[in-house]
Amino acid sequence: KATFLRCLFLYDDDGYQSYCSICSSGDTLLICENPDCTRCYCFECVDTLVGPGTSGRVQAMSNWVCFLCLPFPRSGLLQRRRKWRGWLKAFCDRELGNAPEIYKTVPVWKRGPVRVLTLFGDIRNELTSLGFLENGPEPGRLKHLDDVTNVVRRDVEGWGPFDLLYGSTPRIGHACDHPPVWYLLQFHRLLQYARPRPARQQPFFWMFVDNLVLTQEDRTVATRFLEADPVTIQDVCGRTVQNAVHVWSNIPAVKSRHSALGSQEALSLLAQDRQRMKPPTQGPAELVKNCFLPLREYFKYFSTGLTSSL
């Protein structure tokens, strides 16, 4: 059970789930070659549920499409469950103190381009490299704001609706006109404006990134206001931490992919070092880039080096 909760939403850099989609385990995995699917299956589950020797036959095939992508309700004992996402959410709500929001996945033919609002930190390049945005200007897909002082609810509703809201504090050493906690409070304010009305029940995701500039008291406020616990995402070279950020998000992969909040003493030393050293090679948006991969199950994505290699 603990392994299932920890690994269920874990994705690798190629966009596929890191572990078996059935048991959240397995060493050698069979990967579905449908470009719109992210599922993998371990040999044990396939041979047990579909039939002995199935994994060997699948290995010998080229362009294998998995059981759940085929238009059949059942393959051996493996059966599609229409209410699986609802059952999964109930399970997480029961087992986890702070369960992630889990939305029903969107069929491929119903997926539209993701509509993004970014505050203070821009993630256009990262979303484009993942295939969520097309190269070049695409009006209405991503709107970026550096100053939201005079932005009111009417503005956000007029620009929207949005599917993803991203915000961050400034990097250490960057000049800014406001204290770090201002960026958190403004993000929280616009988050209330951007959320879809409950009756719409559309998938809506958000992420706030702290570049190690918030105080402990500020982070406590963030956890209370955003109703989510933070995790630490690190850029590690050998045994040295080159960069790190604190992240609050309702994207399930964020919690399963990364550790809980790291040692505050170690991160404080890193923040002090970053004030004296040149900027790290990976910026905050690059550090959190792969956390957006699970959104492929909800939104349209375009051809990239990532998707063309699947």
Protein backbone atom coordinates (compact mmCIF):
# COMPACT_ATOMS: atom_id res chain seq x y z
CA LYS A 1 0.00 0.00 0.00
CA ALA A 2 2.77 2.46 0.91
CA THR A 3 4.57 1.70 -2.37
CA PHE A 4 1.37 2.19 -4.35
CA LEU A 5 0.65 5.60 -2.82
CA ARG A 6 4.25 6.74 -3.29
CA CYS A 7 4.76 5.54 -6.87
CA LEU A 8 1.35 5.79 -8.51
CA PHE A 9 1.94 9.24 -10.02
CA LEU A 10 5.68 8.92 -10.59
CA TYR A 11 6.75 9.63 -14.18
CA ASP A 12 10.14 9.31 -15.88
CA ASP A 13 11.75 11.90 -18.13
CA ASP A 14 10.40 10.12 -21.24
CA GLY A 15 6.83 10.84 -20.12
CA TYR A 16 5.93 7.27 -19.13
CA GLN A 17 4.99 6.09 -15.67
CA SER A 18 8.05 4.95 -13.75
CA TYR A 19 6.46 1.78 -12.42
CA CYS A 20 3.79 -0.72 -13.41
CA SER A 21 0.41 0.96 -13.90
CA ILE A 22 -1.25 -1.94 -12.08
CA CYS A 23 0.92 -2.69 -9.04
CA SER A 24 3.26 0.36 -8.94
CA SER A 25 6.24 -2.01 -8.83
CA GLY A 26 8.20 -4.18 -11.24
CA ASP A 27 11.77 -4.08 -12.54
CA THR A 28 11.35 -4.73 -16.28
CA LEU A 29 8.39 -2.96 -17.88
CA LEU A 30 6.44 -3.29 -21.12
CA ILE A 31 5.72 0.18 -22.53
CA CYS A 32 2.61 0.96 -24.54
CA GLU A 33 3.62 2.48 -27.89
CA ASN A 34 0.42 4.43 -28.38
CA PRO A 35 1.78 8.03 -28.27
CA ASP A 36 -1.30 9.12 -26.31
CA CYS A 37 -0.73 6.54 -23.55
CA THR A 38 1.71 6.75 -20.62
CA ARG A 39 1.12 3.28 -19.12
CA CYS A 40 3.68 0.56 -18.41
CA TYR A 41 3.18 -3.03 -17.22
CA CYS A 42 5.47 -5.40 -15.36
CA PHE A 43 5.94 -8.98 -16.59
CA GLU A 44 4.41 -10.43 -13.42
CA CYS A 45 1.10 -8.54 -13.72
CA VAL A 46 0.76 -9.26 -17.44
CA ASP A 47 1.45 -12.99 -17.09
CA THR A 48 -0.78 -13.30 -14.03
CA LEU A 49 -3.75 -11.23 -15.17
CA VAL A 50 -3.78 -11.66 -18.95
CA GLY A 51 -2.30 -15.13 -19.29
CA PRO A 52 0.94 -17.10 -18.86
CA GLY A 53 3.52 -16.23 -21.51
CA THR A 54 1.84 -12.96 -22.52
CA SER A 55 4.88 -10.85 -21.60
CA GLY A 56 7.08 -12.91 -23.93
CA ARG A 57 4.65 -12.49 -26.82
CA VAL A 58 4.44 -8.75 -26.20
CA GLN A 59 8.24 -8.46 -26.19
CA ALA A 60 8.36 -10.06 -29.63
CA MET A 61 5.88 -7.55 -31.06
CA SER A 62 6.69 -4.21 -32.65
CA ASN A 63 4.48 -1.17 -32.00
CA TRP A 64 2.63 -2.88 -29.17
CA VAL A 65 -0.56 -1.14 -27.99
CA CYS A 66 -1.52 -1.94 -24.42
CA PHE A 67 -4.63 -3.72 -23.21
CA LEU A 68 -6.38 -0.58 -21.98
CA CYS A 69 -5.87 1.20 -25.31
CA LEU A 70 -7.58 -1.61 -27.23
CA PRO A 71 -11.37 -1.39 -27.76
CA PHE A 72 -12.04 -4.47 -25.62
CA PRO A 73 -13.55 -4.37 -22.11
CA ARG A 74 -11.41 -7.25 -20.84
CA SER A 75 -8.08 -8.98 -21.50
CA GLY A 76 -7.99 -12.13 -19.38
CA LEU A 77 -8.58 -10.94 -15.82
CA LEU A 78 -7.50 -7.39 -16.68
CA GLN A 79 -10.65 -5.31 -16.97
CA ARG A 80 -11.22 -1.63 -17.63
CA ARG A 81 -12.94 0.06 -14.69
CA ARG A 82 -14.90 3.17 -15.58
CA LYS A 83 -14.96 4.58 -12.05
CA TRP A 84 -11.31 3.84 -11.31
CA ARG A 85 -10.34 7.49 -10.76
CA GLY A 86 -13.16 7.98 -8.27
CA TRP A 87 -12.21 4.85 -6.36
CA LEU A 88 -8.58 5.91 -6.41
CA LYS A 89 -9.41 9.31 -4.96
CA ALA A 90 -11.49 7.70 -2.21
CA PHE A 91 -8.54 5.42 -1.41
CA CYS A 92 -6.11 8.35 -1.23
CA ASP A 93 -8.54 10.38 0.88
CA ARG A 94 -8.78 7.49 3.32
CA GLU A 95 -5.08 6.68 3.50
CA LEU A 96 -3.45 10.11 3.21
CA GLY A 97 -3.92 13.00 5.58
CA ASN A 98 -3.65 15.54 2.76
CA ALA A 99 -4.84 13.77 -0.38
CA PRO A 100 -4.10 15.19 -3.84
CA GLU A 101 -6.88 16.37 -6.10
CA ILE A 102 -7.46 13.63 -8.65
CA TYR A 103 -9.42 14.36 -11.79
CA LYS A 104 -10.89 11.92 -14.24
CA THR A 105 -8.59 11.60 -17.26
CA VAL A 106 -9.81 13.13 -20.51
CA PRO A 107 -10.23 10.95 -23.63
CA VAL A 108 -7.68 11.76 -26.34
CA TRP A 109 -10.27 13.07 -28.79
CA LYS A 110 -11.63 15.51 -26.17
CA ARG A 111 -8.31 16.99 -25.05
CA GLY A 112 -7.76 20.64 -25.86
CA PRO A 113 -4.59 22.76 -25.63
CA VAL A 114 -3.71 23.71 -22.07
CA ARG A 115 -4.50 27.32 -21.10
CA VAL A 116 -1.84 28.70 -18.77
CA LEU A 117 -1.49 31.77 -16.57
CA THR A 118 2.03 32.38 -15.23
CA LEU A 119 2.88 34.90 -12.51
CA PHE A 120 6.37 36.33 -11.94
CA GLY A 121 8.14 33.27 -13.43
CA ASP A 122 7.59 32.20 -17.05
CA ILE A 123 7.44 28.49 -18.02
CA ARG A 124 6.71 28.91 -21.73
CA ASN A 125 9.98 27.27 -22.84
CA GLU A 126 9.50 24.30 -20.51
CA LEU A 127 5.89 23.66 -21.58
CA THR A 128 6.87 24.04 -25.24
CA SER A 129 9.69 21.50 -24.89
CA LEU A 130 7.21 19.04 -23.33
CA GLY A 131 4.81 19.55 -26.23
CA PHE A 132 2.02 21.40 -24.39
CA LEU A 133 2.55 24.61 -26.37
CA GLU A 134 3.34 24.97 -30.05
CA ASN A 135 6.50 26.76 -31.11
CA GLY A 136 5.94 30.42 -31.85
CA PRO A 137 3.25 32.75 -30.54
CA GLU A 138 -0.06 31.07 -29.79
CA PRO A 139 -2.62 33.65 -28.60
CA GLY A 140 -4.81 32.50 -25.77
CA ARG A 141 -2.61 29.55 -24.75
CA LEU A 142 -0.26 31.19 -22.23
CA LYS A 143 -0.51 34.57 -20.52
CA HIS A 144 2.36 35.85 -18.41
CA LEU A 145 2.17 38.62 -15.79
CA ASP A 146 5.06 40.19 -13.88
CA ASP A 147 3.00 42.77 -11.99
CA VAL A 148 -0.44 41.84 -10.66
CA THR A 149 -0.94 44.75 -8.27
CA ASN A 150 -3.95 46.12 -10.13
CA VAL A 151 -5.31 42.81 -11.43
CA VAL A 152 -8.84 42.06 -10.23
CA ARG A 153 -11.17 39.08 -10.59
CA ARG A 154 -12.84 40.55 -13.68
CA ASP A 155 -9.46 40.65 -15.45
CA VAL A 156 -8.62 37.01 -14.73
CA GLU A 157 -12.08 35.78 -15.71
CA GLY A 158 -11.87 37.80 -18.92
CA TRP A 159 -8.48 36.30 -19.87
CA GLY A 160 -9.51 32.78 -18.87
CA PRO A 161 -10.64 30.21 -18.27
CA PHE A 162 -7.29 28.67 -17.33
CA ASP A 163 -6.23 25.07 -16.78
CA LEU A 164 -2.88 25.73 -15.10
CA LEU A 165 -1.70 28.53 -12.81
CA TYR A 166 2.03 28.85 -12.10
CA GLY A 167 3.80 31.34 -9.86
CA SER A 168 7.15 31.73 -8.13
CA THR A 169 9.20 33.99 -5.91
CA PRO A 170 12.18 35.83 -7.47
CA ARG A 171 15.53 34.11 -7.50
CA ILE A 172 18.02 34.88 -4.76
CA GLY A 173 20.04 37.95 -5.68
CA HIS A 174 17.50 39.29 -8.18
CA ALA A 175 16.28 42.81 -7.52
CA CYS A 176 12.57 42.96 -6.73
CA ASP A 177 10.11 45.65 -5.69
CA HIS A 178 8.32 43.59 -3.05
CA PRO A 179 9.19 41.33 -0.09
CA PRO A 180 9.17 37.60 -0.95
CA VAL A 181 5.91 36.87 0.88
CA TRP A 182 4.12 39.39 -1.38
CA TYR A 183 4.52 36.99 -4.32
CA LEU A 184 2.94 34.19 -2.30
CA LEU A 185 -0.02 36.30 -1.21
CA GLN A 186 -0.63 37.62 -4.73
CA PHE A 187 -0.45 34.08 -6.13
CA HIS A 188 -3.02 32.94 -3.58
CA ARG A 189 -5.29 35.86 -4.46
CA LEU A 190 -5.21 35.12 -8.20
CA LEU A 191 -5.61 31.41 -7.51
CA GLN A 192 -9.05 32.16 -6.09
CA TYR A 193 -9.91 34.10 -9.24
CA ALA A 194 -8.62 31.42 -11.63
CA ARG A 195 -10.24 28.38 -10.04
CA PRO A 196 -13.17 27.06 -12.11
CA ARG A 197 -16.60 27.19 -10.56
CA PRO A 198 -17.44 23.92 -8.73
CA ALA A 199 -20.26 23.11 -11.13
CA ARG A 200 -17.84 22.93 -14.08
CA GLN A 201 -15.74 20.08 -12.62
CA GLN A 202 -12.92 20.71 -15.09
CA PRO A 203 -9.33 19.64 -14.34
CA PHE A 204 -7.46 22.59 -12.86
CA PHE A 205 -3.85 22.50 -11.71
CA TRP A 206 -1.59 24.98 -9.94
CA MET A 207 1.99 25.26 -8.70
CA PHE A 208 3.85 27.78 -6.56
CA VAL A 209 7.67 27.67 -6.37
CA ASP A 210 9.81 29.28 -3.66
CA ASN A 211 13.42 29.92 -4.69
CA LEU A 212 14.58 29.57 -1.05
CA VAL A 213 13.69 33.17 -0.21
CA LEU A 214 10.63 32.63 2.00
CA THR A 215 11.19 32.49 5.76
CA GLN A 216 10.01 29.58 7.88
CA GLU A 217 7.03 31.67 8.97
CA ASP A 218 6.24 32.51 5.33
CA ARG A 219 6.33 28.82 4.37
CA THR A 220 3.94 28.01 7.20
CA VAL A 221 1.59 30.66 5.84
CA ALA A 222 1.94 29.16 2.35
CA THR A 223 1.02 25.70 3.61
CA ARG A 224 -2.04 27.05 5.41
CA PHE A 225 -3.25 29.27 2.56
CA LEU A 226 -2.58 26.80 -0.26
CA GLU A 227 -3.80 23.82 1.78
CA ALA A 228 -0.89 21.68 0.59
CA ASP A 229 2.39 20.52 2.10
CA PRO A 230 5.61 21.59 0.35
CA VAL A 231 8.25 19.32 -1.13
CA THR A 232 11.86 20.05 -2.02
CA ILE A 233 13.14 19.53 -5.56
CA GLN A 234 16.92 19.49 -5.85
CA ASP A 235 19.51 19.65 -8.62
CA VAL A 236 22.24 17.32 -7.39
CA CYS A 237 25.64 16.89 -9.04
CA GLY A 238 27.50 14.02 -7.41
CA ARG A 239 27.04 14.68 -3.70
CA THR A 240 26.68 18.43 -4.09
CA VAL A 241 23.31 20.18 -4.20
CA GLN A 242 23.61 22.79 -6.95
CA ASN A 243 20.13 24.24 -6.63
CA ALA A 244 16.85 23.60 -4.82
CA VAL A 245 13.32 24.96 -4.61
CA HIS A 246 10.29 24.47 -2.36
CA VAL A 247 7.13 23.54 -4.27
CA TRP A 248 3.44 23.60 -3.37
CA SER A 249 1.14 22.06 -5.98
CA ASN A 250 -1.97 19.97 -6.56
CA ILE A 251 -0.29 18.00 -9.37
CA PRO A 252 -0.11 14.48 -7.85
CA ALA A 253 3.29 13.69 -9.39
CA VAL A 254 4.94 16.43 -7.34
CA LYS A 255 4.43 14.62 -4.04
CA SER A 256 5.18 11.14 -5.29
CA ARG A 257 8.25 12.15 -7.27
CA HIS A 258 10.09 14.22 -4.71
CA SER A 259 11.06 14.14 -1.06
CA ALA A 260 9.37 15.93 1.78
CA LEU A 261 10.82 19.23 2.88
CA GLY A 262 14.59 18.88 3.20
CA SER A 263 16.94 19.90 5.98
CA GLN A 264 16.37 23.58 6.64
CA GLU A 265 19.96 24.04 7.80
CA ALA A 266 21.34 22.58 4.56
CA LEU A 267 18.97 24.66 2.42
CA SER A 268 19.82 27.83 4.35
CA LEU A 269 23.52 27.24 3.65
CA LEU A 270 22.70 26.67 -0.02
CA ALA A 271 20.74 29.94 -0.13
CA GLN A 272 23.70 31.80 1.40
CA ASP A 273 26.09 30.23 -1.11
CA ARG A 274 23.85 31.20 -4.01
CA GLN A 275 24.01 34.84 -2.96
CA ARG A 276 27.80 34.76 -3.38
CA MET A 277 28.08 32.51 -6.43
CA LYS A 278 27.02 32.75 -10.06
CA PRO A 279 23.45 31.63 -10.90
CA PRO A 280 22.92 27.83 -11.03
CA THR A 281 22.82 26.11 -14.41
CA GLN A 282 19.22 24.98 -13.87
CA GLY A 283 16.65 27.68 -13.14
CA PRO A 284 13.54 27.04 -11.03
CA ALA A 285 11.31 26.39 -14.05
CA GLU A 286 13.78 23.80 -15.38
CA LEU A 287 13.86 22.07 -11.98
CA VAL A 288 10.07 21.58 -11.89
CA LYS A 289 9.65 20.91 -15.62
CA ASN A 290 9.07 17.15 -15.41
CA CYS A 291 6.37 17.60 -12.77
CA PHE A 292 4.08 18.72 -15.60
CA LEU A 293 4.35 15.42 -17.53
CA PRO A 294 1.19 13.88 -15.97
CA LEU A 295 -0.85 16.67 -17.57
CA ARG A 296 -0.55 14.72 -20.83
CA GLU A 297 -3.52 12.68 -19.60
CA TYR A 298 -5.70 15.80 -19.62
CA PHE A 299 -4.50 18.16 -22.36
CA LYS A 300 -3.44 18.02 -25.99
CA TYR A 301 0.27 17.97 -26.70
CA PHE A 302 2.12 18.62 -29.92
CA SER A 303 5.01 16.88 -31.65
CA THR A 304 8.38 17.29 -29.91
CA GLY A 305 11.60 15.35 -29.58
CA LEU A 306 10.06 13.81 -26.46
CA THR A 307 6.84 12.59 -28.04
CA SER A 308 8.35 11.56 -31.36
CA SER A 309 10.68 9.13 -29.62
CA LEU A 310 7.89 7.29 -27.83
